Amino acid sequence: MTGTKRKWSVLLVALLLVALALAAAACGEETTTTESPASSPVAGGTLNYPISAEPGGITSWTVYESEGWQVVHNTQEGLVKYVLQEDGSMKPTPNIAESYESSDGKVWTIKIKQGVTFAPPVSREVTAQDFIDSWNFNTDPDLGDNYTCYILAPIEGTDDSGYRTGATLTGVKKIDDYTIEVTLKYPFFDFPVTLGHPVSYVQPVEYIKQIGAKKYREKPVGTGPYMVQKWTHNQSVALVKNPSWWQASAENGPFLDAVAMKVYLNTNTEWLDFQKGTIDWTDIPPGQVNAAENNAKVKDGTWSAKKWPNLGFYYTNINHKSTLLGGADKLPLRQALAYSADTANIINVINEGVSLPANGLVPVGIPGSDLSTLPYPYDLAKAKELVAQIGTVPELSYMFNTDLGHQKIAEALQAGWQQAGIKVKLSNLEWNTFNKFQRTGAPESQLSRSGWLADYPSMDNFLYPLYQSKQQGLNGYSFWNNAEFDQLLQQARATADETQRLNLYAQAEKIALDDVCVIPIYFYREFRVWNSSRMQGMVYDPMSQMDFWKVWVNQ
């Protein structure tokens, strides 16, 4: 997922993170912290949880970045949910779905659970028709703000962007009140994995039409443990407990009465408010990670601090439409750019050791990521040798959207390229202009700052939307085109055996890496501090979501 906020700010991008097990088991070095003391859940109270930007949207069809997704994650639900495993991975697990099955990967039979209800004021049972209505609504090309429809693009009756091509999706039909049959355009055995994405969540479409989509966008209704009480734009989002949540129990929660999500546009202000006790969880300003780790309250266990890996990565986009960089004859120059990208300096100095080295295009925590190998790791001597062989190297441009962190990374990359003998001019652009250059593959945009956060936890999500030829200009902006890569992706999608499927994805990834489709810079990891003497039961996953219904506060 690309997003405009914070780290979801990676292409149109953004989105982030992982549990204790992933950090320790999958990522090696880890921040030493004092964990929250074990205790029994306590009902009641309010969690004060900051979000670092105004949400782009909080409905299933408008959400496209981490802040909005955090709201949707706790108020709305779908057929599938992503559950954090002990090894740090995210496993798709039936949620509203009772089961899903297919013999050929193309026709899927999905049975839904009985007794699932929409929150007030709708307060009625969810049926199969509600999912059909929701998917038809969310793929309407006239909505204008349904940014993630590509998730539903495999379904018959959609175009390559995921918008329906007729009045209804021809590939979705009701068998009975609790059974749906979905026919895809081609076999896709990871299809159930995609159904944990918000765009496939259920919503009361007749209620949306009754009050109007504009009003509904402000206060959507779902089936989750919490409800949106009020969204005060650029200030806060207030959530309250859903009194009729279908999964509520003494063991499962929800325990909190409310969640107050204050919007912070400045990390320094957020960190100061945390220290005052105004909020229970915080991001840390750049340059203050070491100080936060050694804070006296972290040392005595009042607070906890941790680096949380996340299913996302930061990379340098290469515009293959550019005559200066695209094509087989420009491969040596692309290789030189990759060899002279000093990623270790970016990770250890600029990012203060928070982010992780990238071994490919697929982050740690995604099944199959261990199959990745960088063909062109940092090697300045090889970069210089290639530049010498090339001879005259034209000056290139590198664009990034206005942000101090992006600027520092751009300057570090520029310095490495300069050492190799490649001149690169930096252009700092406001978001809309930057995004236009990337989306159109404008010749001025030869190199640019990009990133991707998982929309669903699969190798497919880090390969198909970014590099498959028909996705260029929609989700991927490299405008790279490789027929063998496309064929391997299609073959992988149609393969039932997971081991074989992952190997096919890995083969496709190797083609993209060998051709320097893009230059991986690092995998995301977030550094967070929280009041562990008050905030307990926390589960923070690699997709940057916290399960509020599992949290309780000592009052």
Protein backbone atom coordinates (compact mmCIF):
# COMPACT_ATOMS: atom_id res chain seq x y z
CA MET A 1 0.00 0.00 0.00
CA THR A 2 1.36 3.34 -0.88
CA GLY A 3 0.40 6.28 1.27
CA THR A 4 0.90 9.96 1.95
CA LYS A 5 1.37 9.81 5.66
CA ARG A 6 4.49 9.32 7.69
CA LYS A 7 6.02 6.04 6.69
CA TRP A 8 2.99 4.95 4.72
CA SER A 9 4.22 7.89 2.94
CA VAL A 10 6.28 5.72 0.80
CA LEU A 11 4.52 6.07 -2.68
CA LEU A 12 0.84 7.10 -2.68
CA VAL A 13 1.65 4.83 -0.32
CA ALA A 14 2.36 4.52 3.35
CA LEU A 15 1.52 1.90 5.67
CA LEU A 16 3.11 -0.90 9.92
CA LEU A 17 4.53 -3.46 12.71
CA VAL A 18 5.37 -6.53 14.55
CA ALA A 19 5.21 -8.35 17.66
CA LEU A 20 7.81 -9.12 20.19
CA ALA A 21 8.52 -12.52 18.67
CA LEU A 22 9.27 -11.14 15.19
CA ALA A 23 11.64 -8.55 16.50
CA ALA A 24 13.64 -11.06 18.47
CA ALA A 25 13.42 -14.10 16.22
CA ALA A 26 13.54 -12.59 12.75
CA CYS A 27 15.50 -9.40 13.14
CA GLY A 28 18.50 -10.18 15.30
CA GLU A 29 19.57 -7.17 17.36
CA GLU A 30 16.77 -5.73 19.39
CA THR A 31 16.18 -2.95 21.83
CA THR A 32 16.24 -4.10 25.44
CA THR A 33 12.97 -3.24 27.12
CA THR A 34 10.99 -4.03 30.19
CA GLU A 35 7.75 -5.74 29.22
CA SER A 36 4.40 -4.90 30.74
CA PRO A 37 3.82 -6.80 33.99
CA ALA A 38 1.39 -9.69 33.68
CA SER A 39 -2.01 -9.04 35.17
CA SER A 40 -5.66 -9.86 34.61
CA PRO A 41 -7.63 -7.66 32.22
CA VAL A 42 -9.42 -4.74 33.81
CA ALA A 43 -12.61 -3.47 32.19
CA GLY A 44 -13.23 0.23 31.65
CA GLY A 45 -11.20 3.34 31.06
CA THR A 46 -9.91 5.20 28.01
CA LEU A 47 -6.78 4.55 26.00
CA ASN A 48 -5.09 7.72 24.77
CA TYR A 49 -3.56 6.68 21.47
CA PRO A 50 -1.92 9.23 19.15
CA ILE A 51 -1.98 9.07 15.36
CA SER A 52 0.70 10.91 13.43
CA ALA A 53 -1.45 12.36 10.66
CA GLU A 54 -5.01 13.15 9.70
CA PRO A 55 -6.57 9.94 8.34
CA GLY A 56 -7.11 9.91 4.59
CA GLY A 57 -10.35 8.00 5.15
CA ILE A 58 -11.97 5.69 7.71
CA THR A 59 -14.37 3.66 5.56
CA SER A 60 -13.51 0.39 3.86
CA TRP A 61 -13.24 2.05 0.46
CA THR A 62 -11.45 5.30 1.44
CA VAL A 63 -8.72 3.97 3.74
CA TYR A 64 -5.28 3.88 2.17
CA GLU A 65 -2.79 4.70 4.93
CA SER A 66 -1.89 3.50 8.43
CA GLU A 67 -3.75 6.09 10.49
CA GLY A 68 -7.09 5.46 8.81
CA TRP A 69 -6.47 1.72 8.79
CA GLN A 70 -6.01 1.80 12.59
CA VAL A 71 -9.56 3.14 12.90
CA VAL A 72 -10.99 0.65 10.41
CA HIS A 73 -9.10 -2.25 12.02
CA ASN A 74 -10.98 -1.73 15.27
CA THR A 75 -14.42 -0.77 13.96
CA GLN A 76 -15.00 -2.85 10.83
CA GLU A 77 -14.43 -6.46 9.83
CA GLY A 78 -14.25 -8.78 6.86
CA LEU A 79 -14.29 -12.43 5.94
CA VAL A 80 -10.64 -12.82 6.94
CA LYS A 81 -8.40 -11.28 9.58
CA TYR A 82 -4.61 -11.27 9.87
CA VAL A 83 -3.43 -12.87 13.10
CA LEU A 84 0.08 -12.43 14.47
CA GLN A 85 1.94 -15.73 14.87
CA GLU A 86 4.71 -16.65 17.29
CA ASP A 87 7.28 -16.44 14.49
CA GLY A 88 6.22 -12.86 13.79
CA SER A 89 4.36 -13.58 10.56
CA MET A 90 0.77 -12.62 9.85
CA LYS A 91 -1.55 -15.52 9.10
CA PRO A 92 -4.87 -15.06 7.27
CA THR A 93 -7.56 -16.62 9.46
CA PRO A 94 -11.34 -16.88 8.92
CA ASN A 95 -13.18 -14.11 10.72
CA ILE A 96 -16.74 -13.52 9.50
CA ALA A 97 -16.06 -16.37 7.10
CA GLU A 98 -16.90 -19.81 8.44
CA SER A 99 -14.85 -21.34 5.65
CA TYR A 100 -13.52 -20.75 2.14
CA GLU A 101 -12.52 -23.39 -0.35
CA SER A 102 -11.70 -23.94 -3.99
CA SER A 103 -10.59 -26.97 -5.97
CA ASP A 104 -9.11 -24.99 -8.86
CA GLY A 105 -8.21 -21.60 -7.35
CA LYS A 106 -10.68 -19.89 -9.67
CA VAL A 107 -14.12 -20.60 -8.21
CA TRP A 108 -14.34 -20.05 -4.45
CA THR A 109 -17.16 -21.02 -2.11
CA ILE A 110 -17.29 -18.85 0.99
CA LYS A 111 -19.58 -19.60 3.90
CA ILE A 112 -20.18 -16.86 6.47
CA LYS A 113 -21.00 -17.19 10.15
CA GLN A 114 -24.48 -16.65 11.46
CA GLY A 115 -25.14 -14.17 14.24
CA VAL A 116 -22.70 -11.46 13.11
CA THR A 117 -24.36 -8.07 13.54
CA PHE A 118 -23.75 -4.51 12.46
CA ALA A 119 -23.21 -2.03 15.28
CA PRO A 120 -25.90 0.55 16.15
CA PRO A 121 -27.73 2.27 14.63
CA VAL A 122 -28.02 -0.46 11.95
CA SER A 123 -28.18 -3.34 14.46
CA ARG A 124 -29.07 -6.22 12.18
CA GLU A 125 -27.50 -9.51 11.11
CA VAL A 126 -24.94 -9.63 8.32
CA THR A 127 -25.82 -11.87 5.36
CA ALA A 128 -24.10 -12.98 2.18
CA GLN A 129 -25.91 -10.25 0.28
CA ASP A 130 -24.19 -7.62 2.42
CA PHE A 131 -20.78 -8.73 1.17
CA ILE A 132 -22.00 -8.75 -2.42
CA ASP A 133 -23.49 -5.26 -2.01
CA SER A 134 -20.31 -4.01 -0.30
CA TRP A 135 -18.01 -5.25 -3.06
CA ASN A 136 -20.26 -3.83 -5.75
CA PHE A 137 -20.33 -0.51 -3.92
CA ASN A 138 -16.57 -0.35 -3.31
CA THR A 139 -15.72 -1.14 -6.95
CA ASP A 140 -17.97 1.60 -8.33
CA PRO A 141 -15.76 3.65 -10.70
CA ASP A 142 -17.80 6.77 -9.91
CA LEU A 143 -16.97 6.80 -6.18
CA GLY A 144 -13.76 8.71 -6.80
CA ASP A 145 -11.97 7.86 -3.56
CA ASN A 146 -11.81 4.04 -3.67
CA TYR A 147 -8.04 3.84 -3.92
CA THR A 148 -7.43 0.14 -3.22
CA CYS A 149 -9.81 -1.56 -5.64
CA TYR A 150 -6.93 -3.45 -7.20
CA ILE A 151 -7.37 -5.94 -4.33
CA LEU A 152 -10.65 -7.03 -5.92
CA ALA A 153 -9.33 -6.93 -9.51
CA PRO A 154 -9.07 -10.75 -9.82
CA ILE A 155 -12.88 -11.04 -9.61
CA GLU A 156 -14.78 -11.43 -12.87
CA GLY A 157 -16.51 -8.20 -13.83
CA THR A 158 -13.64 -5.82 -12.95
CA ASP A 159 -10.97 -4.05 -14.97
CA ASP A 160 -7.23 -4.14 -14.18
CA SER A 161 -7.71 -1.42 -11.56
CA GLY A 162 -10.43 -3.38 -9.78
CA TYR A 163 -13.36 -1.19 -10.81
CA ARG A 164 -16.42 -3.07 -11.94
CA THR A 165 -17.11 -2.89 -15.65
CA GLY A 166 -20.88 -3.29 -15.41
CA ALA A 167 -23.76 -2.63 -13.06
CA THR A 168 -22.66 -5.51 -10.82
CA LEU A 169 -19.70 -7.86 -10.38
CA THR A 170 -20.46 -10.82 -12.62
CA GLY A 171 -18.11 -13.03 -10.61
CA VAL A 172 -19.97 -12.78 -7.31
CA LYS A 173 -23.29 -14.47 -6.56
CA LYS A 174 -25.31 -15.54 -3.55
CA ILE A 175 -25.92 -19.26 -3.10
CA ASP A 176 -27.99 -18.76 0.06
CA ASP A 177 -28.15 -16.26 2.92
CA TYR A 178 -24.82 -17.44 4.30
CA THR A 179 -22.95 -18.64 1.21
CA ILE A 180 -21.18 -16.71 -1.56
CA GLU A 181 -19.65 -18.04 -4.75
CA VAL A 182 -16.80 -15.99 -6.20
CA THR A 183 -15.47 -16.62 -9.70
CA LEU A 184 -12.09 -15.13 -10.57
CA LYS A 185 -10.67 -14.28 -13.98
CA TYR A 186 -7.87 -16.78 -13.40
CA PRO A 187 -6.75 -19.19 -10.65
CA PHE A 188 -5.39 -17.33 -7.62
CA PHE A 189 -4.71 -19.46 -4.55
CA ASP A 190 -3.72 -16.46 -2.41
CA PHE A 191 -7.16 -14.93 -2.97
CA PRO A 192 -8.33 -15.63 0.63
CA VAL A 193 -5.22 -13.82 1.90
CA THR A 194 -6.36 -10.64 0.14
CA LEU A 195 -9.75 -10.73 1.86
CA GLY A 196 -8.30 -9.37 5.08
CA HIS A 197 -7.88 -6.00 3.38
CA PRO A 198 -10.45 -3.33 4.34
CA VAL A 199 -11.74 -2.85 0.79
CA SER A 200 -13.35 -6.30 1.07
CA TYR A 201 -14.94 -5.61 4.48
CA VAL A 202 -18.68 -5.69 4.95
CA GLN A 203 -20.75 -2.52 5.34
CA PRO A 204 -24.50 -1.76 5.43
CA VAL A 205 -24.93 -0.42 1.90
CA GLU A 206 -28.64 0.33 2.30
CA TYR A 207 -27.74 2.56 5.29
CA ILE A 208 -25.04 4.31 3.25
CA LYS A 209 -27.59 5.08 0.55
CA GLN A 210 -30.11 6.20 3.17
CA ILE A 211 -27.84 8.81 4.81
CA GLY A 212 -25.57 9.47 1.84
CA ALA A 213 -21.96 8.45 1.26
CA LYS A 214 -20.64 11.88 2.30
CA LYS A 215 -22.19 11.62 5.75
CA TYR A 216 -21.28 7.95 6.10
CA ARG A 217 -17.60 8.73 5.45
CA GLU A 218 -17.57 10.68 8.71
CA LYS A 219 -19.11 7.94 10.86
CA PRO A 220 -19.06 4.50 9.22
CA VAL A 221 -20.79 1.47 10.74
CA GLY A 222 -19.12 -1.91 10.96
CA THR A 223 -19.22 -5.14 12.93
CA GLY A 224 -16.07 -4.55 15.00
CA PRO A 225 -15.45 -4.18 18.75
CA TYR A 226 -15.54 -0.37 18.63
CA MET A 227 -17.64 2.29 16.90
CA VAL A 228 -16.70 5.70 15.58
CA GLN A 229 -18.22 8.22 17.97
CA LYS A 230 -16.83 11.33 16.26
CA TRP A 231 -14.20 12.32 13.76
CA THR A 232 -13.03 15.89 14.33
CA HIS A 233 -10.89 16.56 11.30
CA ASN A 234 -7.23 17.39 11.90
CA GLN A 235 -7.81 16.98 15.63
CA SER A 236 -9.01 13.55 16.73
CA VAL A 237 -11.01 10.38 16.18
CA ALA A 238 -13.06 9.13 19.13
CA LEU A 239 -14.00 5.45 19.41
CA VAL A 240 -16.43 3.87 21.88
CA LYS A 241 -17.17 0.25 22.71
CA ASN A 242 -19.65 -1.55 20.47
CA PRO A 243 -22.31 -2.85 22.92
CA SER A 244 -23.33 -5.64 20.54
CA TRP A 245 -19.99 -6.93 19.22
CA TRP A 246 -20.56 -10.50 18.17
CA GLN A 247 -17.20 -11.76 19.49
CA ALA A 248 -17.34 -10.07 22.89
CA SER A 249 -16.44 -12.16 25.93
CA ALA A 250 -14.76 -11.92 29.30
CA GLU A 251 -11.60 -13.33 27.74
CA ASN A 252 -11.71 -11.63 24.35
CA GLY A 253 -12.80 -8.13 25.38
CA PRO A 254 -13.30 -5.41 24.46
CA PHE A 255 -12.06 -4.12 27.82
CA LEU A 256 -11.67 -0.41 27.12
CA ASP A 257 -14.73 1.81 27.19
CA ALA A 258 -13.20 4.22 24.71
CA VAL A 259 -10.13 5.11 22.65
CA ALA A 260 -9.16 8.76 22.17
CA MET A 261 -7.05 9.07 19.00
CA LYS A 262 -5.51 12.54 18.94
CA VAL A 263 -3.93 13.71 15.68
CA TYR A 264 -0.34 14.92 15.97
CA LEU A 265 1.33 16.63 13.04
CA ASN A 266 4.56 17.15 14.97
CA THR A 267 6.46 14.28 16.59
CA ASN A 268 8.15 16.59 19.09
CA THR A 269 4.74 17.65 20.41
CA GLU A 270 3.63 14.03 20.58
CA TRP A 271 6.73 13.01 22.55
CA LEU A 272 6.30 15.94 24.96
CA ASP A 273 2.65 15.06 25.57
CA PHE A 274 3.62 11.46 26.28
CA GLN A 275 6.16 12.59 28.87
CA LYS A 276 3.42 14.69 30.49
CA GLY A 277 1.17 11.63 30.69
CA THR A 278 -1.38 12.96 28.19
CA ILE A 279 -1.04 9.94 25.88
CA ASP A 280 -0.10 6.30 26.49
CA TRP A 281 1.98 5.53 23.37
CA THR A 282 4.31 7.62 21.25
CA ASP A 283 6.56 7.96 18.26
CA ILE A 284 10.01 9.47 18.87
CA PRO A 285 11.44 12.54 17.11
CA PRO A 286 14.41 12.02 14.79
CA GLY A 287 17.73 12.00 16.63
CA GLN A 288 16.25 10.99 19.98
CA VAL A 289 16.11 7.20 19.76
CA ASN A 290 19.19 6.61 21.91
CA ALA A 291 18.02 9.13 24.52
CA ALA A 292 14.59 7.48 24.67
CA GLU A 293 16.11 4.01 25.05
CA ASN A 294 18.13 5.24 28.01
CA ASN A 295 15.38 7.31 29.61
CA ALA A 296 15.18 6.70 33.36
CA LYS A 297 11.52 5.65 33.14
CA VAL A 298 12.38 3.07 30.48
CA LYS A 299 15.18 1.77 32.67
CA ASP A 300 12.96 1.42 35.76
CA GLY A 301 10.09 -0.23 33.83
CA THR A 302 7.56 2.60 34.06
CA TRP A 303 7.79 2.89 30.30
CA SER A 304 8.82 0.36 27.66
CA ALA A 305 10.67 1.02 24.41
CA LYS A 306 10.93 -1.24 21.40
CA LYS A 307 11.86 -1.44 17.74
CA TRP A 308 8.99 -3.07 15.89
CA PRO A 309 9.67 -4.51 12.41
CA ASN A 310 7.03 -3.93 9.80
CA LEU A 311 5.87 -5.30 6.51
CA GLY A 312 7.12 -2.47 4.35
CA PHE A 313 10.18 -1.26 2.55
CA TYR A 314 11.74 1.96 1.31
CA TYR A 315 13.32 2.02 -2.11
CA THR A 316 14.59 4.19 -4.91
CA ASN A 317 12.19 4.04 -7.82
CA ILE A 318 13.75 3.89 -11.29
CA ASN A 319 11.67 5.25 -14.14
CA HIS A 320 12.23 2.73 -16.93
CA LYS A 321 10.37 4.97 -19.38
CA SER A 322 13.34 7.31 -19.18
CA THR A 323 15.76 6.93 -22.09
CA LEU A 324 18.58 7.61 -19.61
CA LEU A 325 17.82 4.60 -17.40
CA GLY A 326 15.41 2.18 -19.09
CA GLY A 327 16.23 -0.74 -21.33
CA ALA A 328 18.83 -3.49 -21.47
CA ASP A 329 21.60 -1.14 -22.64
CA LYS A 330 21.25 0.96 -19.48
CA LEU A 331 21.58 -2.03 -17.13
CA PRO A 332 25.23 -1.23 -16.27
CA LEU A 333 24.22 2.27 -15.13
CA ARG A 334 21.37 0.87 -13.03
CA GLN A 335 23.82 -1.63 -11.53
CA ALA A 336 26.26 1.19 -10.70
CA LEU A 337 23.48 3.14 -8.99
CA ALA A 338 22.62 0.08 -6.89
CA TYR A 339 26.24 -0.68 -6.00
CA SER A 340 26.85 2.93 -4.85
CA ALA A 341 23.68 3.32 -2.74
CA ASP A 342 25.17 3.48 0.78
CA THR A 343 22.23 1.90 2.56
CA ALA A 344 24.18 1.02 5.72
CA ASN A 345 24.88 4.70 6.32
CA ILE A 346 21.19 5.51 5.86
CA ILE A 347 20.10 2.76 8.26
CA ASN A 348 22.73 3.27 10.98
CA VAL A 349 23.17 7.04 10.94
CA ILE A 350 20.11 8.75 9.47
CA ASN A 351 17.60 6.18 10.77
CA GLU A 352 19.55 5.62 14.01
CA GLY A 353 19.63 1.87 13.54
CA VAL A 354 15.84 1.54 13.59
CA SER A 355 15.26 0.25 10.05
CA LEU A 356 16.55 -3.09 8.76
CA PRO A 357 18.82 -3.98 5.81
CA ALA A 358 16.84 -5.08 2.77
CA ASN A 359 17.81 -8.43 1.25
CA GLY A 360 15.34 -8.01 -1.61
CA LEU A 361 11.88 -6.70 -2.42
CA VAL A 362 9.96 -8.71 0.20
CA PRO A 363 10.29 -7.73 3.89
CA VAL A 364 11.07 -9.93 6.86
CA GLY A 365 7.85 -11.47 8.19
CA ILE A 366 6.39 -12.35 4.78
CA PRO A 367 6.56 -16.09 3.99
CA GLY A 368 9.22 -16.53 1.31
CA SER A 369 11.24 -13.42 2.19
CA ASP A 370 14.17 -15.62 3.19
CA LEU A 371 14.49 -16.67 -0.46
CA SER A 372 15.62 -13.16 -1.43
CA THR A 373 19.23 -12.16 -2.19
CA LEU A 374 20.51 -8.77 -3.32
CA PRO A 375 22.54 -9.19 -6.52
CA TYR A 376 24.11 -5.70 -6.21
CA PRO A 377 24.94 -4.93 -2.56
CA TYR A 378 26.88 -1.78 -1.70
CA ASP A 379 30.28 -1.99 -3.39
CA LEU A 380 31.73 1.37 -4.36
CA ALA A 381 34.67 -0.17 -6.20
CA LYS A 382 32.36 -2.14 -8.52
CA ALA A 383 30.24 0.96 -9.06
CA LYS A 384 33.31 2.98 -10.10
CA GLU A 385 34.44 0.21 -12.41
CA LEU A 386 31.05 0.15 -14.16
CA VAL A 387 30.99 3.93 -14.50
CA ALA A 388 34.46 3.83 -16.06
CA GLN A 389 33.27 1.24 -18.57
CA ILE A 390 30.17 3.30 -19.42
CA GLY A 391 32.23 6.41 -20.13
CA THR A 392 30.04 9.51 -20.26
CA VAL A 393 27.27 9.32 -17.68
CA PRO A 394 24.46 11.90 -17.98
CA GLU A 395 23.33 13.90 -14.97
CA LEU A 396 20.24 12.31 -13.43
CA SER A 397 17.41 13.67 -11.30
CA TYR A 398 16.13 12.30 -7.97
CA MET A 399 12.75 13.52 -6.72
CA PHE A 400 11.30 13.29 -3.24
CA ASN A 401 8.26 14.75 -1.54
CA THR A 402 8.90 17.44 1.06
CA ASP A 403 10.04 15.82 4.30
CA LEU A 404 13.25 16.23 6.32
CA GLY A 405 13.78 12.47 6.57
CA HIS A 406 13.36 11.94 2.83
CA GLN A 407 15.74 14.85 2.21
CA LYS A 408 18.48 13.38 4.41
CA ILE A 409 18.17 10.02 2.66
CA ALA A 410 18.27 11.72 -0.74
CA GLU A 411 21.44 13.58 0.24
CA ALA A 412 23.09 10.37 1.46
CA LEU A 413 22.24 8.59 -1.80
CA GLN A 414 23.46 11.57 -3.82
CA ALA A 415 26.79 11.49 -1.96
CA GLY A 416 27.29 7.79 -2.69
CA TRP A 417 26.43 8.20 -6.35
CA GLN A 418 28.76 11.19 -6.58
CA GLN A 419 31.61 9.07 -5.20
CA ALA A 420 30.96 6.56 -7.97
CA GLY A 421 31.10 9.30 -10.59
CA ILE A 422 27.34 9.70 -11.13
CA LYS A 423 25.93 13.22 -10.80
CA VAL A 424 22.39 13.35 -9.46
CA LYS A 425 20.37 16.52 -8.96
CA LEU A 426 17.87 16.51 -6.08
CA SER A 427 14.35 17.94 -6.44
CA ASN A 428 12.22 18.56 -3.35
CA LEU A 429 8.55 18.69 -4.39
CA GLU A 430 5.22 19.10 -2.64
CA TRP A 431 3.20 15.89 -2.59
CA ASN A 432 0.75 16.44 -5.46
CA THR A 433 3.46 17.53 -7.89
CA PHE A 434 5.75 14.70 -6.82
CA ASN A 435 2.95 12.17 -7.17
CA LYS A 436 2.04 13.42 -10.65
CA PHE A 437 5.62 12.99 -11.87
CA GLN A 438 5.76 9.43 -10.51
CA ARG A 439 2.34 8.32 -11.72
CA THR A 440 2.89 9.51 -15.27
CA GLY A 441 6.49 8.35 -15.58
CA ALA A 442 7.47 11.86 -16.63
CA PRO A 443 10.96 12.00 -18.19
CA GLU A 444 12.07 14.48 -15.49
CA SER A 445 11.44 11.81 -12.85
CA GLN A 446 14.34 9.43 -13.46
CA LEU A 447 14.91 8.43 -9.83
CA SER A 448 12.51 9.02 -6.95
CA ARG A 449 11.74 8.19 -3.35
CA SER A 450 9.24 5.36 -2.99
CA GLY A 451 8.01 2.73 -0.61
CA TRP A 452 5.36 0.12 -0.04
CA LEU A 453 3.52 -1.25 2.98
CA ALA A 454 1.69 -4.54 2.90
CA ASP A 455 -1.97 -4.50 1.91
CA TYR A 456 -1.99 -8.25 2.51
CA PRO A 457 0.82 -10.43 3.95
CA SER A 458 2.00 -12.30 0.85
CA MET A 459 4.95 -12.19 -1.54
CA ASP A 460 2.35 -11.48 -4.19
CA ASN A 461 1.61 -8.09 -2.63
CA PHE A 462 5.22 -6.97 -2.94
CA LEU A 463 5.53 -8.10 -6.55
CA TYR A 464 2.24 -7.99 -8.44
CA PRO A 465 0.93 -4.44 -7.77
CA LEU A 466 4.37 -2.86 -8.06
CA TYR A 467 6.00 -4.57 -11.05
CA GLN A 468 3.41 -6.49 -13.07
CA SER A 469 3.17 -4.70 -16.40
CA LYS A 470 -0.55 -3.87 -16.29
CA GLN A 471 -0.19 -2.30 -12.84
CA GLN A 472 2.24 0.37 -13.99
CA GLY A 473 0.84 3.82 -13.35
CA LEU A 474 -1.77 2.35 -10.99
CA ASN A 475 0.28 1.09 -8.04
CA GLY A 476 3.76 0.67 -9.46
CA TYR A 477 5.59 3.61 -10.96
CA SER A 478 8.77 2.02 -12.33
CA PHE A 479 7.10 1.34 -15.71
CA TRP A 480 9.29 -1.74 -15.89
CA ASN A 481 7.96 -4.45 -18.17
CA ASN A 482 9.16 -8.04 -18.31
CA ALA A 483 7.12 -10.80 -19.94
CA GLU A 484 8.93 -13.62 -18.09
CA PHE A 485 8.29 -11.90 -14.76
CA ASP A 486 4.57 -11.51 -15.57
CA GLN A 487 4.33 -15.15 -16.60
CA LEU A 488 5.97 -16.37 -13.38
CA LEU A 489 3.59 -14.27 -11.29
CA GLN A 490 0.60 -15.72 -13.08
CA GLN A 491 2.01 -19.22 -12.65
CA ALA A 492 2.62 -18.59 -8.95
CA ARG A 493 -0.91 -17.32 -8.42
CA ALA A 494 -2.27 -20.49 -10.04
CA THR A 495 -0.15 -22.86 -7.92
CA ALA A 496 -1.91 -24.56 -5.01
CA ASP A 497 1.17 -25.89 -3.22
CA GLU A 498 2.58 -23.13 -1.01
CA THR A 499 6.23 -24.20 -1.26
CA GLN A 500 6.09 -24.31 -5.05
CA ARG A 501 4.17 -21.04 -5.12
CA LEU A 502 6.79 -19.25 -2.99
CA ASN A 503 9.61 -20.60 -5.17
CA LEU A 504 7.90 -19.23 -8.28
CA TYR A 505 7.46 -15.83 -6.62
CA ALA A 506 11.14 -15.94 -5.64
CA GLN A 507 12.12 -16.65 -9.25
CA ALA A 508 10.09 -13.65 -10.37
CA GLU A 509 11.65 -11.47 -7.68
CA LYS A 510 15.15 -12.48 -8.82
CA ILE A 511 14.37 -11.32 -12.36
CA ALA A 512 13.29 -7.92 -11.05
CA LEU A 513 16.34 -7.60 -8.80
CA ASP A 514 18.80 -8.73 -11.47
CA ASP A 515 17.43 -6.13 -13.89
CA VAL A 516 17.52 -3.44 -11.17
CA CYS A 517 13.84 -2.74 -11.47
CA VAL A 518 14.20 -0.57 -8.34
CA ILE A 519 16.93 -0.15 -5.69
CA PRO A 520 15.95 -1.52 -2.23
CA ILE A 521 17.12 0.80 0.55
CA TYR A 522 15.76 -0.71 3.78
CA PHE A 523 12.90 -2.57 5.42
CA TYR A 524 10.79 -0.58 7.83
CA ARG A 525 10.91 -0.82 11.55
CA GLU A 526 9.28 1.55 14.02
CA PHE A 527 10.60 2.69 17.36
CA ARG A 528 7.89 3.25 19.95
CA VAL A 529 7.68 4.04 23.65
CA TRP A 530 4.61 3.29 25.74
CA ASN A 531 3.46 3.64 29.34
CA SER A 532 3.72 -0.02 30.32
CA SER A 533 2.70 0.69 33.91
CA ARG A 534 -0.74 1.72 32.60
CA MET A 535 -1.20 0.19 29.13
CA GLN A 536 -1.35 -3.61 29.06
CA GLY A 537 -2.48 -6.56 26.92
CA MET A 538 -1.01 -4.88 23.87
CA VAL A 539 -0.70 -6.64 20.51
CA TYR A 540 0.99 -4.50 17.83
CA ASP A 541 1.35 -6.29 14.54
CA PRO A 542 3.69 -6.02 11.52
CA MET A 543 1.01 -4.18 9.58
CA SER A 544 1.10 -1.30 12.05
CA GLN A 545 -2.18 -2.17 13.71
CA MET A 546 -3.03 -2.47 17.39
CA ASP A 547 -5.89 -4.65 18.58
CA PHE A 548 -7.59 -2.15 20.89
CA TRP A 549 -10.08 -4.75 22.11
CA LYS A 550 -7.23 -6.69 23.76
CA VAL A 551 -5.80 -3.66 25.57
CA TRP A 552 -6.70 -2.66 29.09
CA VAL A 553 -5.49 0.19 31.27
CA ASN A 554 -4.61 0.29 34.94
CA GLN A 555 -6.68 3.13 36.35
